[in-house]
Amino acid sequence: MSQEQWVPLLLLGVAGFLVGGVYSTWRNGSRVLAGVFGLAALVAIGGAVAWLA
């Protein structure tokens, strides 16, 4: 696999990790931190899509 194929896969993995963080922090009551994690997840997903496009 070349570098161009690893980067979007890594970004999607990071996004999945962040979505798990959103779920966990939301259930624990930290809504602001969940929002920050959610925004970071959206940026990671957007970066992966942009990289593939």
PDB file of N, CA and C in Angstrom:
ATOM      1  N   MET A   1       0.837  -1.190   0.000  1.00  0.00           N
ATOM      2  CA  MET A   1       0.000   0.000   0.000  1.00  0.00           C
ATOM      3  C   MET A   1       0.875   1.244   0.000  1.00  0.00           C
ATOM      4  N   SER A   2       0.490   2.196  -0.802  1.00  0.00           N
ATOM      5  CA  SER A   2       1.238   3.450  -0.838  1.00  0.00           C
ATOM      6  C   SER A   2       0.716   4.400   0.237  1.00  0.00           C
ATOM      7  N   GLN A   3       1.448   5.488   0.414  1.00  0.00           N
ATOM      8  CA  GLN A   3       1.070   6.460   1.439  1.00  0.00           C
ATOM      9  C   GLN A   3      -0.302   7.054   1.148  1.00  0.00           C
ATOM     10  N   GLU A   4      -0.624   7.242  -0.114  1.00  0.00           N
ATOM     11  CA  GLU A   4      -1.914   7.836  -0.455  1.00  0.00           C
ATOM     12  C   GLU A   4      -3.080   6.967  -0.026  1.00  0.00           C
ATOM     13  N   GLN A   5      -2.861   5.689   0.146  1.00  0.00           N
ATOM     14  CA  GLN A   5      -3.928   4.794   0.570  1.00  0.00           C
ATOM     15  C   GLN A   5      -4.000   4.679   2.094  1.00  0.00           C
ATOM     16  N   TRP A   6      -2.905   4.911   2.787  1.00  0.00           N
ATOM     17  CA  TRP A   6      -2.891   4.784   4.243  1.00  0.00           C
ATOM     18  C   TRP A   6      -3.487   5.990   4.945  1.00  0.00           C
ATOM     19  N   VAL A   7      -3.291   7.173   4.394  1.00  0.00           N
ATOM     20  CA  VAL A   7      -3.718   8.397   5.075  1.00  0.00           C
ATOM     21  C   VAL A   7      -5.229   8.434   5.291  1.00  0.00           C
ATOM     22  N   PRO A   8      -6.064   8.195   4.264  1.00  0.00           N
ATOM     23  CA  PRO A   8      -7.508   8.233   4.533  1.00  0.00           C
ATOM     24  C   PRO A   8      -7.961   7.121   5.476  1.00  0.00           C
ATOM     25  N   LEU A   9      -7.313   5.976   5.413  1.00  0.00           N
ATOM     26  CA  LEU A   9      -7.652   4.892   6.323  1.00  0.00           C
ATOM     27  C   LEU A   9      -7.324   5.281   7.762  1.00  0.00           C
ATOM     28  N   LEU A  10      -6.193   5.911   7.951  1.00  0.00           N
ATOM     29  CA  LEU A  10      -5.803   6.378   9.285  1.00  0.00           C
ATOM     30  C   LEU A  10      -6.762   7.458   9.782  1.00  0.00           C
ATOM     31  N   LEU A  11      -7.138   8.382   8.900  1.00  0.00           N
ATOM     32  CA  LEU A  11      -8.069   9.440   9.294  1.00  0.00           C
ATOM     33  C   LEU A  11      -9.433   8.872   9.679  1.00  0.00           C
ATOM     34  N   LEU A  12      -9.908   7.876   8.952  1.00  0.00           N
ATOM     35  CA  LEU A  12     -11.183   7.258   9.299  1.00  0.00           C
ATOM     36  C   LEU A  12     -11.082   6.504  10.622  1.00  0.00           C
ATOM     37  N   GLY A  13      -9.938   5.899  10.887  1.00  0.00           N
ATOM     38  CA  GLY A  13      -9.736   5.239  12.176  1.00  0.00           C
ATOM     39  C   GLY A  13      -9.756   6.236  13.321  1.00  0.00           C
ATOM     40  N   VAL A  14      -9.098   7.366  13.132  1.00  0.00           N
ATOM     41  CA  VAL A  14      -9.105   8.425  14.150  1.00  0.00           C
ATOM     42  C   VAL A  14     -10.524   8.958  14.348  1.00  0.00           C
ATOM     43  N   ALA A  15     -11.260   9.109  13.253  1.00  0.00           N
ATOM     44  CA  ALA A  15     -12.641   9.585  13.350  1.00  0.00           C
ATOM     45  C   ALA A  15     -13.496   8.602  14.143  1.00  0.00           C
ATOM     46  N   GLY A  16     -13.314   7.320  13.914  1.00  0.00           N
ATOM     47  CA  GLY A  16     -14.056   6.319  14.675  1.00  0.00           C
ATOM     48  C   GLY A  16     -13.732   6.382  16.153  1.00  0.00           C
ATOM     49  N   PHE A  17     -12.467   6.561  16.462  1.00  0.00           N
ATOM     50  CA  PHE A  17     -12.040   6.711  17.856  1.00  0.00           C
ATOM     51  C   PHE A  17     -12.695   7.934  18.485  1.00  0.00           C
ATOM     52  N   LEU A  18     -12.739   9.029  17.736  1.00  0.00           N
ATOM     53  CA  LEU A  18     -13.343  10.260  18.248  1.00  0.00           C
ATOM     54  C   LEU A  18     -14.849  10.121  18.439  1.00  0.00           C
ATOM     55  N   VAL A  19     -15.515   9.400  17.546  1.00  0.00           N
ATOM     56  CA  VAL A  19     -16.951   9.173  17.702  1.00  0.00           C
ATOM     57  C   VAL A  19     -17.217   8.374  18.979  1.00  0.00           C
ATOM     58  N   GLY A  20     -16.373   7.416  19.269  1.00  0.00           N
ATOM     59  CA  GLY A  20     -16.488   6.700  20.534  1.00  0.00           C
ATOM     60  C   GLY A  20     -16.303   7.635  21.724  1.00  0.00           C
ATOM     61  N   GLY A  21     -15.395   8.576  21.587  1.00  0.00           N
ATOM     62  CA  GLY A  21     -15.200   9.583  22.640  1.00  0.00           C
ATOM     63  C   GLY A  21     -16.407  10.480  22.802  1.00  0.00           C
ATOM     64  N   VAL A  22     -17.056  10.807  21.696  1.00  0.00           N
ATOM     65  CA  VAL A  22     -18.279  11.609  21.759  1.00  0.00           C
ATOM     66  C   VAL A  22     -19.341  10.867  22.551  1.00  0.00           C
ATOM     67  N   TYR A  23     -19.538   9.616  22.227  1.00  0.00           N
ATOM     68  CA  TYR A  23     -20.551   8.808  22.919  1.00  0.00           C
ATOM     69  C   TYR A  23     -20.251   8.720  24.413  1.00  0.00           C
ATOM     70  N   SER A  24     -19.001   8.448  24.744  1.00  0.00           N
ATOM     71  CA  SER A  24     -18.618   8.278  26.141  1.00  0.00           C
ATOM     72  C   SER A  24     -18.768   9.579  26.929  1.00  0.00           C
ATOM     73  N   THR A  25     -18.271  10.675  26.381  1.00  0.00           N
ATOM     74  CA  THR A  25     -18.336  11.938  27.115  1.00  0.00           C
ATOM     75  C   THR A  25     -19.768  12.467  27.192  1.00  0.00           C
ATOM     76  N   TRP A  26     -20.572  12.198  26.176  1.00  0.00           N
ATOM     77  CA  TRP A  26     -21.977  12.639  26.203  1.00  0.00           C
ATOM     78  C   TRP A  26     -22.717  11.935  27.333  1.00  0.00           C
ATOM     79  N   ARG A  27     -22.475  10.627  27.473  1.00  0.00           N
ATOM     80  CA  ARG A  27     -23.153   9.863  28.526  1.00  0.00           C
ATOM     81  C   ARG A  27     -22.678  10.271  29.921  1.00  0.00           C
ATOM     82  N   ASN A  28     -21.457  10.743  30.030  1.00  0.00           N
ATOM     83  CA  ASN A  28     -20.936  11.184  31.329  1.00  0.00           C
ATOM     84  C   ASN A  28     -21.320  12.621  31.652  1.00  0.00           C
ATOM     85  N   GLY A  29     -21.972  13.312  30.736  1.00  0.00           N
ATOM     86  CA  GLY A  29     -22.495  14.638  31.022  1.00  0.00           C
ATOM     87  C   GLY A  29     -21.646  15.796  30.555  1.00  0.00           C
ATOM     88  N   SER A  30     -20.524  15.546  29.929  1.00  0.00           N
ATOM     89  CA  SER A  30     -19.671  16.632  29.460  1.00  0.00           C
ATOM     90  C   SER A  30     -20.038  16.958  28.016  1.00  0.00           C
ATOM     91  N   ARG A  31     -21.069  17.759  27.850  1.00  0.00           N
ATOM     92  CA  ARG A  31     -21.601  18.057  26.518  1.00  0.00           C
ATOM     93  C   ARG A  31     -20.640  18.900  25.678  1.00  0.00           C
ATOM     94  N   VAL A  32     -19.939  19.823  26.310  1.00  0.00           N
ATOM     95  CA  VAL A  32     -19.018  20.692  25.568  1.00  0.00           C
ATOM     96  C   VAL A  32     -17.863  19.870  24.998  1.00  0.00           C
ATOM     97  N   LEU A  33     -17.287  19.005  25.807  1.00  0.00           N
ATOM     98  CA  LEU A  33     -16.185  18.165  25.339  1.00  0.00           C
ATOM     99  C   LEU A  33     -16.663  17.202  24.258  1.00  0.00           C
ATOM    100  N   ALA A  34     -17.890  16.703  24.394  1.00  0.00           N
ATOM    101  CA  ALA A  34     -18.456  15.836  23.360  1.00  0.00           C
ATOM    102  C   ALA A  34     -18.585  16.608  22.045  1.00  0.00           C
ATOM    103  N   GLY A  35     -18.971  17.867  22.127  1.00  0.00           N
ATOM    104  CA  GLY A  35     -19.069  18.697  20.929  1.00  0.00           C
ATOM    105  C   GLY A  35     -17.715  18.915  20.275  1.00  0.00           C
ATOM    106  N   VAL A  36     -16.700  19.111  21.083  1.00  0.00           N
ATOM    107  CA  VAL A  36     -15.338  19.288  20.551  1.00  0.00           C
ATOM    108  C   VAL A  36     -14.879  18.014  19.856  1.00  0.00           C
ATOM    109  N   PHE A  37     -15.120  16.855  20.497  1.00  0.00           N
ATOM    110  CA  PHE A  37     -14.759  15.578  19.877  1.00  0.00           C
ATOM    111  C   PHE A  37     -15.541  15.356  18.591  1.00  0.00           C
ATOM    112  N   GLY A  38     -16.815  15.724  18.604  1.00  0.00           N
ATOM    113  CA  GLY A  38     -17.642  15.577  17.405  1.00  0.00           C
ATOM    114  C   GLY A  38     -17.134  16.432  16.260  1.00  0.00           C
ATOM    115  N   LEU A  39     -16.759  17.642  16.558  1.00  0.00           N
ATOM    116  CA  LEU A  39     -16.209  18.530  15.532  1.00  0.00           C
ATOM    117  C   LEU A  39     -14.904  17.978  14.980  1.00  0.00           C
ATOM    118  N   ALA A  40     -14.056  17.459  15.863  1.00  0.00           N
ATOM    119  CA  ALA A  40     -12.793  16.862  15.417  1.00  0.00           C
ATOM    120  C   ALA A  40     -13.044  15.630  14.553  1.00  0.00           C
ATOM    121  N   ALA A  41     -14.068  14.847  14.897  1.00  0.00           N
ATOM    122  CA  ALA A  41     -14.416  13.671  14.092  1.00  0.00           C
ATOM    123  C   ALA A  41     -14.885  14.095  12.705  1.00  0.00           C
ATOM    124  N   LEU A  42     -15.685  15.137  12.635  1.00  0.00           N
ATOM    125  CA  LEU A  42     -16.153  15.628  11.328  1.00  0.00           C
ATOM    126  C   LEU A  42     -14.990  16.142  10.472  1.00  0.00           C
ATOM    127  N   VAL A  43     -14.040  16.795  11.112  1.00  0.00           N
ATOM    128  CA  VAL A  43     -12.863  17.283  10.378  1.00  0.00           C
ATOM    129  C   VAL A  43     -12.048  16.100   9.848  1.00  0.00           C
ATOM    130  N   ALA A  44     -11.888  15.056  10.665  1.00  0.00           N
ATOM    131  CA  ALA A  44     -11.141  13.886  10.226  1.00  0.00           C
ATOM    132  C   ALA A  44     -11.842  13.182   9.070  1.00  0.00           C
ATOM    133  N   ILE A  45     -13.160  13.055   9.151  1.00  0.00           N
ATOM    134  CA  ILE A  45     -13.907  12.425   8.062  1.00  0.00           C
ATOM    135  C   ILE A  45     -13.820  13.282   6.796  1.00  0.00           C
ATOM    136  N   GLY A  46     -13.952  14.587   6.963  1.00  0.00           N
ATOM    137  CA  GLY A  46     -13.838  15.491   5.812  1.00  0.00           C
ATOM    138  C   GLY A  46     -12.457  15.423   5.186  1.00  0.00           C
ATOM    139  N   GLY A  47     -11.424  15.313   5.999  1.00  0.00           N
ATOM    140  CA  GLY A  47     -10.066  15.194   5.473  1.00  0.00           C
ATOM    141  C   GLY A  47      -9.873  13.906   4.704  1.00  0.00           C
ATOM    142  N   ALA A  48     -10.456  12.818   5.198  1.00  0.00           N
ATOM    143  CA  ALA A  48     -10.349  11.537   4.498  1.00  0.00           C
ATOM    144  C   ALA A  48     -11.054  11.588   3.158  1.00  0.00           C
ATOM    145  N   VAL A  49     -12.233  12.175   3.141  1.00  0.00           N
ATOM    146  CA  VAL A  49     -12.994  12.291   1.883  1.00  0.00           C
ATOM    147  C   VAL A  49     -12.263  13.199   0.904  1.00  0.00           C
ATOM    148  N   ALA A  50     -11.738  14.304   1.405  1.00  0.00           N
ATOM    149  CA  ALA A  50     -11.006  15.229   0.525  1.00  0.00           C
ATOM    150  C   ALA A  50      -9.742  14.562  -0.019  1.00  0.00           C
ATOM    151  N   TRP A  51      -9.083  13.764   0.796  1.00  0.00           N
ATOM    152  CA  TRP A  51      -7.874  13.094   0.354  1.00  0.00           C
ATOM    153  C   TRP A  51      -8.194  12.113  -0.780  1.00  0.00           C
ATOM    154  N   LEU A  52      -9.325  11.441  -0.678  1.00  0.00           N
ATOM    155  CA  LEU A  52      -9.703  10.464  -1.704  1.00  0.00           C
ATOM    156  C   LEU A  52     -10.233  11.110  -2.972  1.00  0.00           C
ATOM    157  N   ALA A  53     -10.727  12.342  -2.854  1.00  0.00           N
ATOM    158  CA  ALA A  53     -11.325  13.013  -4.015  1.00  0.00           C
ATOM    159  C   ALA A  53     -10.334  13.644  -4.923  1.00  0.00           C
TER     160      ALA A  53
END
